[in-house]
Protein backbone atom coordinates (compact mmCIF):
# COMPACT_ATOMS: atom_id res chain seq x y z
CA MET A 1 59.65 88.23 113.10
CA ALA A 2 59.69 88.76 116.85
CA GLN A 3 61.69 91.64 118.22
CA ASN A 4 64.67 90.53 120.28
CA ILE A 5 66.65 93.23 122.11
CA GLU A 6 69.43 90.68 122.68
CA LEU A 7 70.42 91.14 119.03
CA PHE A 8 71.59 94.66 119.86
CA MET A 9 73.78 93.73 122.82
CA ALA A 10 77.43 94.79 122.73
CA ASN A 11 78.69 91.22 122.51
CA ASN A 12 76.89 90.88 119.14
CA LEU A 13 78.61 93.91 117.62
CA LYS A 14 81.35 92.94 115.19
CA PRO A 15 84.55 95.01 115.25
CA VAL A 16 85.23 97.33 112.33
CA PRO A 17 88.30 96.08 110.45
CA ASP A 18 91.34 98.20 109.63
CA ILE A 19 91.73 99.33 106.02
CA GLU A 20 94.86 98.94 103.93
CA TYR A 21 95.64 101.95 101.76
CA GLN A 22 98.48 102.81 99.40
CA ALA A 23 98.98 106.49 100.16
CA THR A 24 101.81 107.08 97.72
CA ASP A 25 103.82 105.28 95.10
CA ARG A 26 106.93 107.16 96.26
CA LEU A 27 107.63 104.77 99.17
CA ILE A 28 108.71 101.35 97.93
CA ASP A 29 109.33 98.25 100.05
CA PRO A 30 112.87 97.17 99.06
CA GLU A 31 112.05 93.50 99.73
CA THR A 32 109.01 93.29 97.46
CA GLY A 33 109.51 96.24 95.12
CA GLU A 34 105.87 97.16 95.82
CA PRO A 35 104.55 100.45 97.19
CA VAL A 36 104.26 100.51 100.98
CA VAL A 37 100.75 99.93 102.32
CA TRP A 38 99.44 102.06 105.17
CA LYS A 39 96.95 100.83 107.75
CA LEU A 40 93.96 103.02 108.61
CA ARG A 41 91.27 102.49 111.20
CA PRO A 42 87.75 103.83 111.21
CA ILE A 43 87.24 105.79 114.44
CA SER A 44 84.26 105.64 116.76
CA THR A 45 81.40 108.11 116.59
CA GLU A 46 82.41 109.30 120.05
CA GLU A 47 85.97 110.05 118.92
CA LEU A 48 84.74 111.81 115.76
CA THR A 49 82.39 114.00 117.80
CA ARG A 50 85.16 114.87 120.27
CA ILE A 51 87.48 115.97 117.45
CA GLN A 52 84.75 118.01 115.74
CA LYS A 53 83.82 119.79 119.00
CA LYS A 54 87.48 120.46 119.81
CA HIS A 55 87.93 122.36 116.53
CA THR A 56 84.63 124.28 116.46
CA ARG A 57 84.71 127.88 117.65
CA PRO A 58 82.26 130.77 117.81
CA VAL A 59 82.91 133.30 115.06
CA PHE A 60 81.18 136.67 115.16
CA HIS A 61 79.39 137.68 111.96
CA LYS A 62 78.65 141.42 111.67
CA GLU A 63 75.97 140.90 109.04
CA ILE A 64 73.79 138.85 111.41
CA GLY A 65 74.98 140.50 114.62
CA ARG A 66 75.92 137.35 116.48
CA ALA A 67 78.45 134.57 116.81
CA VAL A 68 77.96 131.30 114.94
CA GLN A 69 79.69 128.01 115.75
CA GLU A 70 82.07 127.28 112.87
CA PRO A 71 84.21 124.17 112.44
CA ASP A 72 87.86 124.46 111.41
CA ALA A 73 87.72 121.89 108.61
CA VAL A 74 91.50 121.76 108.14
CA ALA A 75 92.21 121.15 111.84
CA ILE A 76 89.43 118.56 112.01
CA GLY A 77 90.76 116.76 108.93
CA GLU A 78 94.33 116.74 110.21
CA GLU A 79 93.39 115.39 113.63
CA LEU A 80 91.12 112.80 112.04
CA ALA A 81 93.99 111.68 109.82
CA CYS A 82 96.30 111.28 112.80
CA ALA A 83 93.61 109.38 114.70
CA CYS A 84 92.88 107.05 111.77
CA ILE A 85 96.44 106.24 110.69
CA VAL A 86 97.61 103.11 112.51
CA TRP A 87 100.65 102.39 110.35
CA PRO A 88 103.08 104.04 110.03
CA ASP A 89 103.16 105.22 113.63
CA LEU A 90 103.30 108.99 113.14
CA LYS A 91 104.33 109.41 116.81
CA ASP A 92 107.53 107.39 116.29
CA ALA A 93 110.49 109.61 117.26
CA LYS A 94 112.83 107.89 114.79
CA LEU A 95 110.39 108.47 111.93
CA GLN A 96 109.93 112.13 112.89
CA GLU A 97 113.69 112.58 113.18
CA SER A 98 114.25 111.11 109.72
CA TYR A 99 112.07 113.89 108.26
CA GLY A 100 113.43 116.58 110.59
CA VAL A 101 110.02 117.32 112.10
CA ARG A 102 108.18 116.98 115.41
CA GLY A 103 104.54 116.03 115.77
CA GLU A 104 102.14 113.71 114.00
CA ILE A 105 100.65 116.09 111.46
CA LYS A 106 104.04 117.51 110.49
CA THR A 107 105.28 113.95 110.00
CA LEU A 108 102.27 113.13 107.84
CA ARG A 109 102.82 116.27 105.75
CA ALA A 110 106.51 115.41 105.35
CA ILE A 111 105.86 111.83 104.26
CA LEU A 112 103.09 112.88 101.89
CA SER A 113 104.92 115.98 100.69
CA SER A 114 103.27 115.75 97.28
CA SER A 115 100.04 117.75 97.49
CA LYS A 116 98.33 115.06 95.41
CA ASP A 117 99.30 112.29 97.85
CA TYR A 118 98.27 114.42 100.85
CA SER A 119 94.95 115.38 99.26
CA ASN A 120 94.22 111.75 98.35
CA MET A 121 94.94 110.69 101.95
CA MET A 122 92.56 113.33 103.29
CA ASP A 123 89.89 112.14 100.83
CA LYS A 124 90.40 108.56 102.07
CA ILE A 125 90.13 109.69 105.71
CA ASN A 126 86.91 111.53 104.83
CA GLU A 127 85.60 108.40 103.14
CA ILE A 128 86.25 106.12 106.12
CA THR A 129 84.96 108.59 108.72
CA SER A 130 81.83 109.58 106.80
CA GLY A 131 81.18 106.31 105.02
CA GLU A 132 80.79 108.17 101.75
CA GLU A 133 83.14 108.04 98.82
CA MET A 134 83.76 111.43 97.27
CA ASP A 135 83.39 111.57 93.51
CA GLY A 136 85.17 114.05 91.25
CA GLU A 137 82.35 116.60 91.50
CA ASP A 138 82.37 116.48 95.31
CA ILE A 139 86.15 116.92 95.38
CA ASP A 140 85.99 119.93 93.03
CA GLU A 141 83.24 121.48 95.15
CA ALA A 142 85.20 120.91 98.38
CA LYS A 143 88.30 122.54 96.89
CA ASN A 144 86.35 125.71 95.92
């Protein structure tokens, strides 16, 4: 097969579709009686890198006598979640007001107030940003 650089041109790149996800069974659509479906979007590599760099800081370690760049995994995860969630719009003032909070991450925490729902959402965000599904062993290891 002959190599054809044209195959790699931007106009040949298919868009990545949004993902529907049921984050909780505690929000029910009154019209259908079904749990509300959220819409998530995979983010670009550029956006992921920007978020990771934003939340990575030098931390001095006495035992090695120097600073090491360390990511703040919680802050990265929270900003990734806010970047990936398309629906509901976590910036919506009316939504924030209904929960008595301000800011996207506080709104997300309020909606997913069950630690199980919140943890499952973060696992889903990790899955769509890394492309890897976490199994039970990975989840246990990450929690420890």
